[in-house]
Amino acid sequence: ICVDIWKDGNIVSFRARVKERDAVVINN
């Protein structure tokens, strides 16, 4: 699971992708 992370102050936005299939498994 690859977790893409954005940090803006005290809010951390993220999504998760499966590396082997490049499929988004968690969004928003």
mmCIF file of all heavy atoms, coordinates in Angstrom:
data_MODEL
# 
_entry.id   MODEL 
# 
loop_
_atom_site.group_PDB 
_atom_site.id 
_atom_site.type_symbol 
_atom_site.label_atom_id 
_atom_site.label_alt_id 
_atom_site.label_comp_id 
_atom_site.label_asym_id 
_atom_site.label_entity_id 
_atom_site.label_seq_id 
_atom_site.pdbx_PDB_ins_code 
_atom_site.Cartn_x 
_atom_site.Cartn_y 
_atom_site.Cartn_z 
_atom_site.occupancy 
_atom_site.B_iso_or_equiv 
_atom_site.pdbx_formal_charge 
_atom_site.auth_seq_id 
_atom_site.auth_comp_id 
_atom_site.auth_asym_id 
_atom_site.auth_atom_id 
_atom_site.pdbx_PDB_model_num 
ATOM 1   N N   . ILE A 1 1  ? 0.848   -1.185 0.000   1.00 0.00 ? 1  ILE A N   1 
ATOM 2   C CA  . ILE A 1 1  ? 0.000   0.000  0.000   1.00 0.00 ? 1  ILE A CA  1 
ATOM 3   C C   . ILE A 1 1  ? 0.888   1.242  0.000   1.00 0.00 ? 1  ILE A C   1 
ATOM 4   O O   . ILE A 1 1  ? 1.731   1.414  0.898   1.00 0.00 ? 1  ILE A O   1 
ATOM 5   C CB  . ILE A 1 1  ? -0.933  0.011  1.217   1.00 0.00 ? 1  ILE A CB  1 
ATOM 6   C CG1 . ILE A 1 1  ? -1.875  -1.207 1.184   1.00 0.00 ? 1  ILE A CG1 1 
ATOM 7   C CG2 . ILE A 1 1  ? -1.738  1.302  1.286   1.00 0.00 ? 1  ILE A CG2 1 
ATOM 8   C CD1 . ILE A 1 1  ? -2.686  -1.391 2.444   1.00 0.00 ? 1  ILE A CD1 1 
ATOM 9   N N   . CYS A 1 2  ? 0.732   2.083  -1.008  1.00 0.00 ? 2  CYS A N   1 
ATOM 10  C CA  . CYS A 1 2  ? 1.473   3.344  -1.097  1.00 0.00 ? 2  CYS A CA  1 
ATOM 11  C C   . CYS A 1 2  ? 0.552   4.472  -0.647  1.00 0.00 ? 2  CYS A C   1 
ATOM 12  O O   . CYS A 1 2  ? -0.502  4.692  -1.256  1.00 0.00 ? 2  CYS A O   1 
ATOM 13  C CB  . CYS A 1 2  ? 1.949   3.595  -2.522  1.00 0.00 ? 2  CYS A CB  1 
ATOM 14  S SG  . CYS A 1 2  ? 3.100   2.364  -3.156  1.00 0.00 ? 2  CYS A SG  1 
ATOM 15  N N   . VAL A 1 3  ? 0.939   5.163  0.413   1.00 0.00 ? 3  VAL A N   1 
ATOM 16  C CA  . VAL A 1 3  ? 0.114   6.232  0.968   1.00 0.00 ? 3  VAL A CA  1 
ATOM 17  C C   . VAL A 1 3  ? 0.680   7.578  0.528   1.00 0.00 ? 3  VAL A C   1 
ATOM 18  O O   . VAL A 1 3  ? 1.782   7.959  0.932   1.00 0.00 ? 3  VAL A O   1 
ATOM 19  C CB  . VAL A 1 3  ? 0.055   6.143  2.506   1.00 0.00 ? 3  VAL A CB  1 
ATOM 20  C CG1 . VAL A 1 3  ? -0.909  7.199  3.056   1.00 0.00 ? 3  VAL A CG1 1 
ATOM 21  C CG2 . VAL A 1 3  ? -0.388  4.746  2.955   1.00 0.00 ? 3  VAL A CG2 1 
ATOM 22  N N   . ASP A 1 4  ? -0.062  8.275  -0.334  1.00 0.00 ? 4  ASP A N   1 
ATOM 23  C CA  . ASP A 1 4  ? 0.307   9.620  -0.782  1.00 0.00 ? 4  ASP A CA  1 
ATOM 24  C C   . ASP A 1 4  ? -0.185  10.615 0.263   1.00 0.00 ? 4  ASP A C   1 
ATOM 25  O O   . ASP A 1 4  ? -1.359  10.587 0.651   1.00 0.00 ? 4  ASP A O   1 
ATOM 26  C CB  . ASP A 1 4  ? -0.333  9.943  -2.130  1.00 0.00 ? 4  ASP A CB  1 
ATOM 27  C CG  . ASP A 1 4  ? 0.142   9.024  -3.247  1.00 0.00 ? 4  ASP A CG  1 
ATOM 28  O OD1 . ASP A 1 4  ? 1.323   8.629  -3.225  1.00 0.00 ? 4  ASP A OD1 1 
ATOM 29  O OD2 . ASP A 1 4  ? -0.676  8.711  -4.136  1.00 0.00 ? 4  ASP A OD2 1 
ATOM 30  N N   . ILE A 1 5  ? 0.698   11.528 0.685   1.00 0.00 ? 5  ILE A N   1 
ATOM 31  C CA  . ILE A 1 5  ? 0.410   12.404 1.813   1.00 0.00 ? 5  ILE A CA  1 
ATOM 32  C C   . ILE A 1 5  ? 0.640   13.868 1.434   1.00 0.00 ? 5  ILE A C   1 
ATOM 33  O O   . ILE A 1 5  ? 1.654   14.206 0.818   1.00 0.00 ? 5  ILE A O   1 
ATOM 34  C CB  . ILE A 1 5  ? 1.291   12.033 3.024   1.00 0.00 ? 5  ILE A CB  1 
ATOM 35  C CG1 . ILE A 1 5  ? 0.942   10.626 3.529   1.00 0.00 ? 5  ILE A CG1 1 
ATOM 36  C CG2 . ILE A 1 5  ? 1.147   13.051 4.156   1.00 0.00 ? 5  ILE A CG2 1 
ATOM 37  C CD1 . ILE A 1 5  ? 1.894   10.098 4.585   1.00 0.00 ? 5  ILE A CD1 1 
ATOM 38  N N   . TRP A 1 6  ? -0.347  14.711 1.823   1.00 0.00 ? 6  TRP A N   1 
ATOM 39  C CA  . TRP A 1 6  ? -0.220  16.162 1.705   1.00 0.00 ? 6  TRP A CA  1 
ATOM 40  C C   . TRP A 1 6  ? -0.402  16.754 3.102   1.00 0.00 ? 6  TRP A C   1 
ATOM 41  O O   . TRP A 1 6  ? -1.357  16.421 3.795   1.00 0.00 ? 6  TRP A O   1 
ATOM 42  C CB  . TRP A 1 6  ? -1.295  16.744 0.806   1.00 0.00 ? 6  TRP A CB  1 
ATOM 43  C CG  . TRP A 1 6  ? -1.267  16.334 -0.633  1.00 0.00 ? 6  TRP A CG  1 
ATOM 44  C CD1 . TRP A 1 6  ? -0.758  17.042 -1.676  1.00 0.00 ? 6  TRP A CD1 1 
ATOM 45  C CD2 . TRP A 1 6  ? -1.843  15.143 -1.210  1.00 0.00 ? 6  TRP A CD2 1 
ATOM 46  N NE1 . TRP A 1 6  ? -0.955  16.371 -2.857  1.00 0.00 ? 6  TRP A NE1 1 
ATOM 47  C CE2 . TRP A 1 6  ? -1.624  15.208 -2.604  1.00 0.00 ? 6  TRP A CE2 1 
ATOM 48  C CE3 . TRP A 1 6  ? -2.515  14.036 -0.679  1.00 0.00 ? 6  TRP A CE3 1 
ATOM 49  C CZ2 . TRP A 1 6  ? -2.047  14.203 -3.466  1.00 0.00 ? 6  TRP A CZ2 1 
ATOM 50  C CZ3 . TRP A 1 6  ? -2.935  13.028 -1.527  1.00 0.00 ? 6  TRP A CZ3 1 
ATOM 51  C CH2 . TRP A 1 6  ? -2.701  13.115 -2.914  1.00 0.00 ? 6  TRP A CH2 1 
ATOM 52  N N   . LYS A 1 7  ? 0.481   17.659 3.513   1.00 0.00 ? 7  LYS A N   1 
ATOM 53  C CA  . LYS A 1 7  ? 0.353   18.266 4.840   1.00 0.00 ? 7  LYS A CA  1 
ATOM 54  C C   . LYS A 1 7  ? 0.131   19.762 4.701   1.00 0.00 ? 7  LYS A C   1 
ATOM 55  O O   . LYS A 1 7  ? 0.924   20.465 4.081   1.00 0.00 ? 7  LYS A O   1 
ATOM 56  C CB  . LYS A 1 7  ? 1.597   17.998 5.695   1.00 0.00 ? 7  LYS A CB  1 
ATOM 57  C CG  . LYS A 1 7  ? 1.408   18.375 7.159   1.00 0.00 ? 7  LYS A CG  1 
ATOM 58  C CD  . LYS A 1 7  ? 2.574   17.936 8.023   1.00 0.00 ? 7  LYS A CD  1 
ATOM 59  C CE  . LYS A 1 7  ? 2.293   18.174 9.500   1.00 0.00 ? 7  LYS A CE  1 
ATOM 60  N NZ  . LYS A 1 7  ? 1.987   19.578 9.825   1.00 0.00 ? 7  LYS A NZ  1 
ATOM 61  N N   . ASP A 1 8  ? -0.977  20.237 5.279   1.00 0.00 ? 8  ASP A N   1 
ATOM 62  C CA  . ASP A 1 8  ? -1.323  21.653 5.285   1.00 0.00 ? 8  ASP A CA  1 
ATOM 63  C C   . ASP A 1 8  ? -1.716  22.034 6.706   1.00 0.00 ? 8  ASP A C   1 
ATOM 64  O O   . ASP A 1 8  ? -2.859  21.814 7.125   1.00 0.00 ? 8  ASP A O   1 
ATOM 65  C CB  . ASP A 1 8  ? -2.477  21.929 4.317   1.00 0.00 ? 8  ASP A CB  1 
ATOM 66  C CG  . ASP A 1 8  ? -2.095  21.644 2.870   1.00 0.00 ? 8  ASP A CG  1 
ATOM 67  O OD1 . ASP A 1 8  ? -1.348  22.448 2.286   1.00 0.00 ? 8  ASP A OD1 1 
ATOM 68  O OD2 . ASP A 1 8  ? -2.527  20.606 2.333   1.00 0.00 ? 8  ASP A OD2 1 
ATOM 69  N N   . GLY A 1 9  ? -0.770  22.570 7.465   1.00 0.00 ? 9  GLY A N   1 
ATOM 70  C CA  . GLY A 1 9  ? -1.032  22.896 8.859   1.00 0.00 ? 9  GLY A CA  1 
ATOM 71  C C   . GLY A 1 9  ? -1.352  21.638 9.642   1.00 0.00 ? 9  GLY A C   1 
ATOM 72  O O   . GLY A 1 9  ? -0.593  20.663 9.614   1.00 0.00 ? 9  GLY A O   1 
ATOM 73  N N   . ASN A 1 10 ? -2.495  21.650 10.321  1.00 0.00 ? 10 ASN A N   1 
ATOM 74  C CA  . ASN A 1 10 ? -2.852  20.477 11.123  1.00 0.00 ? 10 ASN A CA  1 
ATOM 75  C C   . ASN A 1 10 ? -3.752  19.503 10.357  1.00 0.00 ? 10 ASN A C   1 
ATOM 76  O O   . ASN A 1 10 ? -4.281  18.556 10.946  1.00 0.00 ? 10 ASN A O   1 
ATOM 77  C CB  . ASN A 1 10 ? -3.541  20.901 12.422  1.00 0.00 ? 10 ASN A CB  1 
ATOM 78  C CG  . ASN A 1 10 ? -4.947  21.442 12.180  1.00 0.00 ? 10 ASN A CG  1 
ATOM 79  O OD1 . ASN A 1 10 ? -5.170  22.188 11.241  1.00 0.00 ? 10 ASN A OD1 1 
ATOM 80  N ND2 . ASN A 1 10 ? -5.877  21.079 13.042  1.00 0.00 ? 10 ASN A ND2 1 
ATOM 81  N N   . ILE A 1 11 ? -3.903  19.711 9.047   1.00 0.00 ? 11 ILE A N   1 
ATOM 82  C CA  . ILE A 1 11 ? -4.684  18.795 8.214   1.00 0.00 ? 11 ILE A CA  1 
ATOM 83  C C   . ILE A 1 11 ? -3.743  17.999 7.316   1.00 0.00 ? 11 ILE A C   1 
ATOM 84  O O   . ILE A 1 11 ? -2.965  18.580 6.537   1.00 0.00 ? 11 ILE A O   1 
ATOM 85  C CB  . ILE A 1 11 ? -5.724  19.540 7.343   1.00 0.00 ? 11 ILE A CB  1 
ATOM 86  C CG1 . ILE A 1 11 ? -6.703  20.305 8.229   1.00 0.00 ? 11 ILE A CG1 1 
ATOM 87  C CG2 . ILE A 1 11 ? -6.454  18.558 6.436   1.00 0.00 ? 11 ILE A CG2 1 
ATOM 88  C CD1 . ILE A 1 11 ? -7.524  19.425 9.165   1.00 0.00 ? 11 ILE A CD1 1 
ATOM 89  N N   . VAL A 1 12 ? -3.810  16.683 7.429   1.00 0.00 ? 12 VAL A N   1 
ATOM 90  C CA  . VAL A 1 12 ? -3.038  15.788 6.576   1.00 0.00 ? 12 VAL A CA  1 
ATOM 91  C C   . VAL A 1 12 ? -4.023  15.098 5.634   1.00 0.00 ? 12 VAL A C   1 
ATOM 92  O O   . VAL A 1 12 ? -4.890  14.346 6.072   1.00 0.00 ? 12 VAL A O   1 
ATOM 93  C CB  . VAL A 1 12 ? -2.270  14.741 7.406   1.00 0.00 ? 12 VAL A CB  1 
ATOM 94  C CG1 . VAL A 1 12 ? -1.508  13.784 6.489   1.00 0.00 ? 12 VAL A CG1 1 
ATOM 95  C CG2 . VAL A 1 12 ? -1.310  15.424 8.373   1.00 0.00 ? 12 VAL A CG2 1 
ATOM 96  N N   . SER A 1 13 ? -3.910  15.394 4.342   1.00 0.00 ? 13 SER A N   1 
ATOM 97  C CA  . SER A 1 13 ? -4.740  14.724 3.343   1.00 0.00 ? 13 SER A CA  1 
ATOM 98  C C   . SER A 1 13 ? -3.967  13.518 2.813   1.00 0.00 ? 13 SER A C   1 
ATOM 99  O O   . SER A 1 13 ? -2.743  13.543 2.737   1.00 0.00 ? 13 SER A O   1 
ATOM 100 C CB  . SER A 1 13 ? -5.068  15.683 2.196   1.00 0.00 ? 13 SER A CB  1 
ATOM 101 O OG  . SER A 1 13 ? -5.720  16.848 2.658   1.00 0.00 ? 13 SER A OG  1 
ATOM 102 N N   . PHE A 1 14 ? -4.711  12.478 2.429   1.00 0.00 ? 14 PHE A N   1 
ATOM 103 C CA  . PHE A 1 14 ? -4.008  11.285 1.947   1.00 0.00 ? 14 PHE A CA  1 
ATOM 104 C C   . PHE A 1 14 ? -4.910  10.425 1.074   1.00 0.00 ? 14 PHE A C   1 
ATOM 105 O O   . PHE A 1 14 ? -6.141  10.530 1.106   1.00 0.00 ? 14 PHE A O   1 
ATOM 106 C CB  . PHE A 1 14 ? -3.455  10.450 3.110   1.00 0.00 ? 14 PHE A CB  1 
ATOM 107 C CG  . PHE A 1 14 ? -4.504  9.882  4.033   1.00 0.00 ? 14 PHE A CG  1 
ATOM 108 C CD1 . PHE A 1 14 ? -4.961  8.577  3.877   1.00 0.00 ? 14 PHE A CD1 1 
ATOM 109 C CD2 . PHE A 1 14 ? -5.022  10.636 5.075   1.00 0.00 ? 14 PHE A CD2 1 
ATOM 110 C CE1 . PHE A 1 14 ? -5.921  8.043  4.725   1.00 0.00 ? 14 PHE A CE1 1 
ATOM 111 C CE2 . PHE A 1 14 ? -5.987  10.116 5.930   1.00 0.00 ? 14 PHE A CE2 1 
ATOM 112 C CZ  . PHE A 1 14 ? -6.432  8.814  5.750   1.00 0.00 ? 14 PHE A CZ  1 
ATOM 113 N N   . ARG A 1 15 ? -4.282  9.588  0.275   1.00 0.00 ? 15 ARG A N   1 
ATOM 114 C CA  . ARG A 1 15 ? -4.958  8.524  -0.463  1.00 0.00 ? 15 ARG A CA  1 
ATOM 115 C C   . ARG A 1 15 ? -4.019  7.331  -0.450  1.00 0.00 ? 15 ARG A C   1 
ATOM 116 O O   . ARG A 1 15 ? -2.811  7.475  -0.205  1.00 0.00 ? 15 ARG A O   1 
ATOM 117 C CB  . ARG A 1 15 ? -5.288  8.954  -1.888  1.00 0.00 ? 15 ARG A CB  1 
ATOM 118 C CG  . ARG A 1 15 ? -4.096  9.069  -2.798  1.00 0.00 ? 15 ARG A CG  1 
ATOM 119 C CD  . ARG A 1 15 ? -4.471  9.431  -4.221  1.00 0.00 ? 15 ARG A CD  1 
ATOM 120 N NE  . ARG A 1 15 ? -3.255  9.772  -4.962  1.00 0.00 ? 15 ARG A NE  1 
ATOM 121 C CZ  . ARG A 1 15 ? -3.140  10.768 -5.827  1.00 0.00 ? 15 ARG A CZ  1 
ATOM 122 N NH1 . ARG A 1 15 ? -4.196  11.531 -6.076  1.00 0.00 ? 15 ARG A NH1 1 
ATOM 123 N NH2 . ARG A 1 15 ? -2.008  11.004 -6.441  1.00 0.00 ? 15 ARG A NH2 1 
ATOM 124 N N   . ALA A 1 16 ? -4.554  6.167  -0.737  1.00 0.00 ? 16 ALA A N   1 
ATOM 125 C CA  . ALA A 1 16 ? -3.749  4.948  -0.720  1.00 0.00 ? 16 ALA A CA  1 
ATOM 126 C C   . ALA A 1 16 ? -3.911  4.218  -2.040  1.00 0.00 ? 16 ALA A C   1 
ATOM 127 O O   . ALA A 1 16 ? -5.025  4.069  -2.553  1.00 0.00 ? 16 ALA A O   1 
ATOM 128 C CB  . ALA A 1 16 ? -4.165  4.039  0.441   1.00 0.00 ? 16 ALA A CB  1 
ATOM 129 N N   . ARG A 1 17 ? -2.786  3.764  -2.578  1.00 0.00 ? 17 ARG A N   1 
ATOM 130 C CA  . ARG A 1 17 ? -2.764  3.022  -3.834  1.00 0.00 ? 17 ARG A CA  1 
ATOM 131 C C   . ARG A 1 17 ? -2.050  1.689  -3.619  1.00 0.00 ? 17 ARG A C   1 
ATOM 132 O O   . ARG A 1 17 ? -1.137  1.590  -2.797  1.00 0.00 ? 17 ARG A O   1 
ATOM 133 C CB  . ARG A 1 17 ? -2.003  3.795  -4.915  1.00 0.00 ? 17 ARG A CB  1 
ATOM 134 C CG  . ARG A 1 17 ? -2.585  5.143  -5.282  1.00 0.00 ? 17 ARG A CG  1 
ATOM 135 C CD  . ARG A 1 17 ? -1.674  5.910  -6.243  1.00 0.00 ? 17 ARG A CD  1 
ATOM 136 N NE  . ARG A 1 17 ? -0.476  6.397  -5.581  1.00 0.00 ? 17 ARG A NE  1 
ATOM 137 C CZ  . ARG A 1 17 ? 0.740   5.907  -5.775  1.00 0.00 ? 17 ARG A CZ  1 
ATOM 138 N NH1 . ARG A 1 17 ? 0.941   4.879  -6.602  1.00 0.00 ? 17 ARG A NH1 1 
ATOM 139 N NH2 . ARG A 1 17 ? 1.783   6.420  -5.135  1.00 0.00 ? 17 ARG A NH2 1 
ATOM 140 N N   . VAL A 1 18 ? -2.467  0.672  -4.373  1.00 0.00 ? 18 VAL A N   1 
ATOM 141 C CA  . VAL A 1 18 ? -1.749  -0.594 -4.375  1.00 0.00 ? 18 VAL A CA  1 
ATOM 142 C C   . VAL A 1 18 ? -0.637  -0.499 -5.409  1.00 0.00 ? 18 VAL A C   1 
ATOM 143 O O   . VAL A 1 18 ? -0.890  -0.239 -6.590  1.00 0.00 ? 18 VAL A O   1 
ATOM 144 C CB  . VAL A 1 18 ? -2.693  -1.777 -4.690  1.00 0.00 ? 18 VAL A CB  1 
ATOM 145 C CG1 . VAL A 1 18 ? -1.906  -3.027 -5.027  1.00 0.00 ? 18 VAL A CG1 1 
ATOM 146 C CG2 . VAL A 1 18 ? -3.601  -2.046 -3.493  1.00 0.00 ? 18 VAL A CG2 1 
ATOM 147 N N   . LYS A 1 19 ? 0.582   -0.697 -4.962  1.00 0.00 ? 19 LYS A N   1 
ATOM 148 C CA  . LYS A 1 19 ? 1.751   -0.534 -5.826  1.00 0.00 ? 19 LYS A CA  1 
ATOM 149 C C   . LYS A 1 19 ? 1.732   -1.512 -6.991  1.00 0.00 ? 19 LYS A C   1 
ATOM 150 O O   . LYS A 1 19 ? 2.034   -1.141 -8.137  1.00 0.00 ? 19 LYS A O   1 
ATOM 151 C CB  . LYS A 1 19 ? 3.020   -0.736 -4.994  1.00 0.00 ? 19 LYS A CB  1 
ATOM 152 C CG  . LYS A 1 19 ? 4.316   -0.578 -5.751  1.00 0.00 ? 19 LYS A CG  1 
ATOM 153 C CD  . LYS A 1 19 ? 5.510   -0.752 -4.806  1.00 0.00 ? 19 LYS A CD  1 
ATOM 154 C CE  . LYS A 1 19 ? 6.835   -0.565 -5.523  1.00 0.00 ? 19 LYS A CE  1 
ATOM 155 N NZ  . LYS A 1 19 ? 7.978   -0.715 -4.581  1.00 0.00 ? 19 LYS A NZ  1 
ATOM 156 N N   . GLU A 1 20 ? 1.363   -2.745 -6.725  1.00 0.00 ? 20 GLU A N   1 
ATOM 157 C CA  . GLU A 1 20 ? 1.439   -3.784 -7.748  1.00 0.00 ? 20 GLU A CA  1 
ATOM 158 C C   . GLU A 1 20 ? 0.424   -3.588 -8.876  1.00 0.00 ? 20 GLU A C   1 
ATOM 159 O O   . GLU A 1 20 ? 0.655   -4.028 -10.005 1.00 0.00 ? 20 GLU A O   1 
ATOM 160 C CB  . GLU A 1 20 ? 1.232   -5.165 -7.113  1.00 0.00 ? 20 GLU A CB  1 
ATOM 161 C CG  . GLU A 1 20 ? 2.365   -5.604 -6.189  1.00 0.00 ? 20 GLU A CG  1 
ATOM 162 C CD  . GLU A 1 20 ? 2.311   -5.002 -4.796  1.00 0.00 ? 20 GLU A CD  1 
ATOM 163 O OE1 . GLU A 1 20 ? 1.389   -4.186 -4.520  1.00 0.00 ? 20 GLU A OE1 1 
ATOM 164 O OE2 . GLU A 1 20 ? 3.178   -5.333 -3.969  1.00 0.00 ? 20 GLU A OE2 1 
ATOM 165 N N   . ARG A 1 21 ? -0.702  -2.931 -8.590  1.00 0.00 ? 21 ARG A N   1 
ATOM 166 C CA  . ARG A 1 21 ? -1.761  -2.759 -9.595  1.00 0.00 ? 21 ARG A CA  1 
ATOM 167 C C   . ARG A 1 21 ? -2.060  -1.298 -9.900  1.00 0.00 ? 21 ARG A C   1 
ATOM 168 O O   . ARG A 1 21 ? -2.884  -0.994 -10.754 1.00 0.00 ? 21 ARG A O   1 
ATOM 169 C CB  . ARG A 1 21 ? -3.051  -3.447 -9.112  1.00 0.00 ? 21 ARG A CB  1 
ATOM 170 C CG  . ARG A 1 21 ? -2.965  -4.951 -9.007  1.00 0.00 ? 21 ARG A CG  1 
ATOM 171 C CD  . ARG A 1 21 ? -4.294  -5.558 -8.558  1.00 0.00 ? 21 ARG A CD  1 
ATOM 172 N NE  . ARG A 1 21 ? -4.540  -5.385 -7.126  1.00 0.00 ? 21 ARG A NE  1 
ATOM 173 C CZ  . ARG A 1 21 ? -5.570  -4.731 -6.610  1.00 0.00 ? 21 ARG A CZ  1 
ATOM 174 N NH1 . ARG A 1 21 ? -6.448  -4.155 -7.422  1.00 0.00 ? 21 ARG A NH1 1 
ATOM 175 N NH2 . ARG A 1 21 ? -5.730  -4.641 -5.303  1.00 0.00 ? 21 ARG A NH2 1 
ATOM 176 N N   . ASP A 1 22 ? -1.414  -0.384 -9.197  1.00 0.00 ? 22 ASP A N   1 
ATOM 177 C CA  . ASP A 1 22 ? -1.657  1.057  -9.325  1.00 0.00 ? 22 ASP A CA  1 
ATOM 178 C C   . ASP A 1 22 ? -3.150  1.371  -9.218  1.00 0.00 ? 22 ASP A C   1 
ATOM 179 O O   . ASP A 1 22 ? -3.701  2.174  -9.981  1.00 0.00 ? 22 ASP A O   1 
ATOM 180 C CB  . ASP A 1 22 ? -1.098  1.607  -10.643 1.00 0.00 ? 22 ASP A CB  1 
ATOM 181 C CG  . ASP A 1 22 ? -0.983  3.141  -10.605 1.00 0.00 ? 22 ASP A CG  1 
ATOM 182 O OD1 . ASP A 1 22 ? -0.786  3.679  -9.507  1.00 0.00 ? 22 ASP A OD1 1 
ATOM 183 O OD2 . ASP A 1 22 ? -1.127  3.776  -11.670 1.00 0.00 ? 22 ASP A OD2 1 
ATOM 184 N N   . ALA A 1 23 ? -3.805  0.717  -8.262  1.00 0.00 ? 23 ALA A N   1 
ATOM 185 C CA  . ALA A 1 23 ? -5.235  0.927  -8.031  1.00 0.00 ? 23 ALA A CA  1 
ATOM 186 C C   . ALA A 1 23 ? -5.423  1.736  -6.755  1.00 0.00 ? 23 ALA A C   1 
ATOM 187 O O   . ALA A 1 23 ? -4.800  1.445  -5.721  1.00 0.00 ? 23 ALA A O   1 
ATOM 188 C CB  . ALA A 1 23 ? -5.949  -0.417 -7.896  1.00 0.00 ? 23 ALA A CB  1 
ATOM 189 N N   . VAL A 1 24 ? -6.276  2.770  -6.817  1.00 0.00 ? 24 VAL A N   1 
ATOM 190 C CA  . VAL A 1 24 ? -6.577  3.558  -5.623  1.00 0.00 ? 24 VAL A CA  1 
ATOM 191 C C   . VAL A 1 24 ? -7.544  2.763  -4.748  1.00 0.00 ? 24 VAL A C   1 
ATOM 192 O O   . VAL A 1 24 ? -8.611  2.356  -5.203  1.00 0.00 ? 24 VAL A O   1 
ATOM 193 C CB  . VAL A 1 24 ? -7.195  4.918  -6.003  1.00 0.00 ? 24 VAL A CB  1 
ATOM 194 C CG1 . VAL A 1 24 ? -7.624  5.679  -4.748  1.00 0.00 ? 24 VAL A CG1 1 
ATOM 195 C CG2 . VAL A 1 24 ? -6.204  5.754  -6.814  1.00 0.00 ? 24 VAL A CG2 1 
ATOM 196 N N   . VAL A 1 25 ? -7.156  2.530  -3.501  1.00 0.00 ? 25 VAL A N   1 
ATOM 197 C CA  . VAL A 1 25 ? -7.974  1.707  -2.601  1.00 0.00 ? 25 VAL A CA  1 
ATOM 198 C C   . VAL A 1 25 ? -8.632  2.525  -1.492  1.00 0.00 ? 25 VAL A C   1 
ATOM 199 O O   . VAL A 1 25 ? -9.661  2.130  -0.953  1.00 0.00 ? 25 VAL A O   1 
ATOM 200 C CB  . VAL A 1 25 ? -7.136  0.552  -2.007  1.00 0.00 ? 25 VAL A CB  1 
ATOM 201 C CG1 . VAL A 1 25 ? -6.733  -0.424 -3.107  1.00 0.00 ? 25 VAL A CG1 1 
ATOM 202 C CG2 . VAL A 1 25 ? -5.894  1.061  -1.279  1.00 0.00 ? 25 VAL A CG2 1 
ATOM 203 N N   . ILE A 1 26 ? -8.040  3.657  -1.157  1.00 0.00 ? 26 ILE A N   1 
ATOM 204 C CA  . ILE A 1 26 ? -8.644  4.617  -0.227  1.00 0.00 ? 26 ILE A CA  1 
ATOM 205 C C   . ILE A 1 26 ? -8.444  5.994  -0.834  1.00 0.00 ? 26 ILE A C   1 
ATOM 206 O O   . ILE A 1 26 ? -7.356  6.328  -1.302  1.00 0.00 ? 26 ILE A O   1 
ATOM 207 C CB  . ILE A 1 26 ? -8.024  4.525  1.178   1.00 0.00 ? 26 ILE A CB  1 
ATOM 208 C CG1 . ILE A 1 26 ? -8.707  3.408  1.981   1.00 0.00 ? 26 ILE A CG1 1 
ATOM 209 C CG2 . ILE A 1 26 ? -8.137  5.852  1.926   1.00 0.00 ? 26 ILE A CG2 1 
ATOM 210 C CD1 . ILE A 1 26 ? -8.228  3.271  3.404   1.00 0.00 ? 26 ILE A CD1 1 
ATOM 211 N N   . ASN A 1 27 ? -9.511  6.798  -0.807  1.00 0.00 ? 27 ASN A N   1 
ATOM 212 C CA  . ASN A 1 27 ? -9.444  8.124  -1.395  1.00 0.00 ? 27 ASN A CA  1 
ATOM 213 C C   . ASN A 1 27 ? -9.994  9.148  -0.415  1.00 0.00 ? 27 ASN A C   1 
ATOM 214 O O   . ASN A 1 27 ? -10.624 8.800  0.583   1.00 0.00 ? 27 ASN A O   1 
ATOM 215 C CB  . ASN A 1 27 ? -10.239 8.167  -2.701  1.00 0.00 ? 27 ASN A CB  1 
ATOM 216 C CG  . ASN A 1 27 ? -9.627  9.090  -3.739  1.00 0.00 ? 27 ASN A CG  1 
ATOM 217 O OD1 . ASN A 1 27 ? -8.779  9.930  -3.420  1.00 0.00 ? 27 ASN A OD1 1 
ATOM 218 N ND2 . ASN A 1 27 ? -10.051 8.950  -4.986  1.00 0.00 ? 27 ASN A ND2 1 
ATOM 219 N N   . ASN A 1 28 ? -9.716  10.427 -0.705  1.00 0.00 ? 28 ASN A N   1 
ATOM 220 C CA  . ASN A 1 28 ? -10.289 11.532 0.070   1.00 0.00 ? 28 ASN A CA  1 
ATOM 221 C C   . ASN A 1 28 ? -9.984  11.428 1.556   1.00 0.00 ? 28 ASN A C   1 
ATOM 222 O O   . ASN A 1 28 ? -10.801 11.800 2.402   1.00 0.00 ? 28 ASN A O   1 
ATOM 223 C CB  . ASN A 1 28 ? -11.803 11.606 -0.146  1.00 0.00 ? 28 ASN A CB  1 
ATOM 224 C CG  . ASN A 1 28 ? -12.184 11.646 -1.618  1.00 0.00 ? 28 ASN A CG  1 
ATOM 225 O OD1 . ASN A 1 28 ? -12.614 10.619 -2.170  1.00 0.00 ? 28 ASN A OD1 1 
ATOM 226 N ND2 . ASN A 1 28 ? -12.016 12.778 -2.258  1.00 0.00 ? 28 ASN A ND2 1 
# 
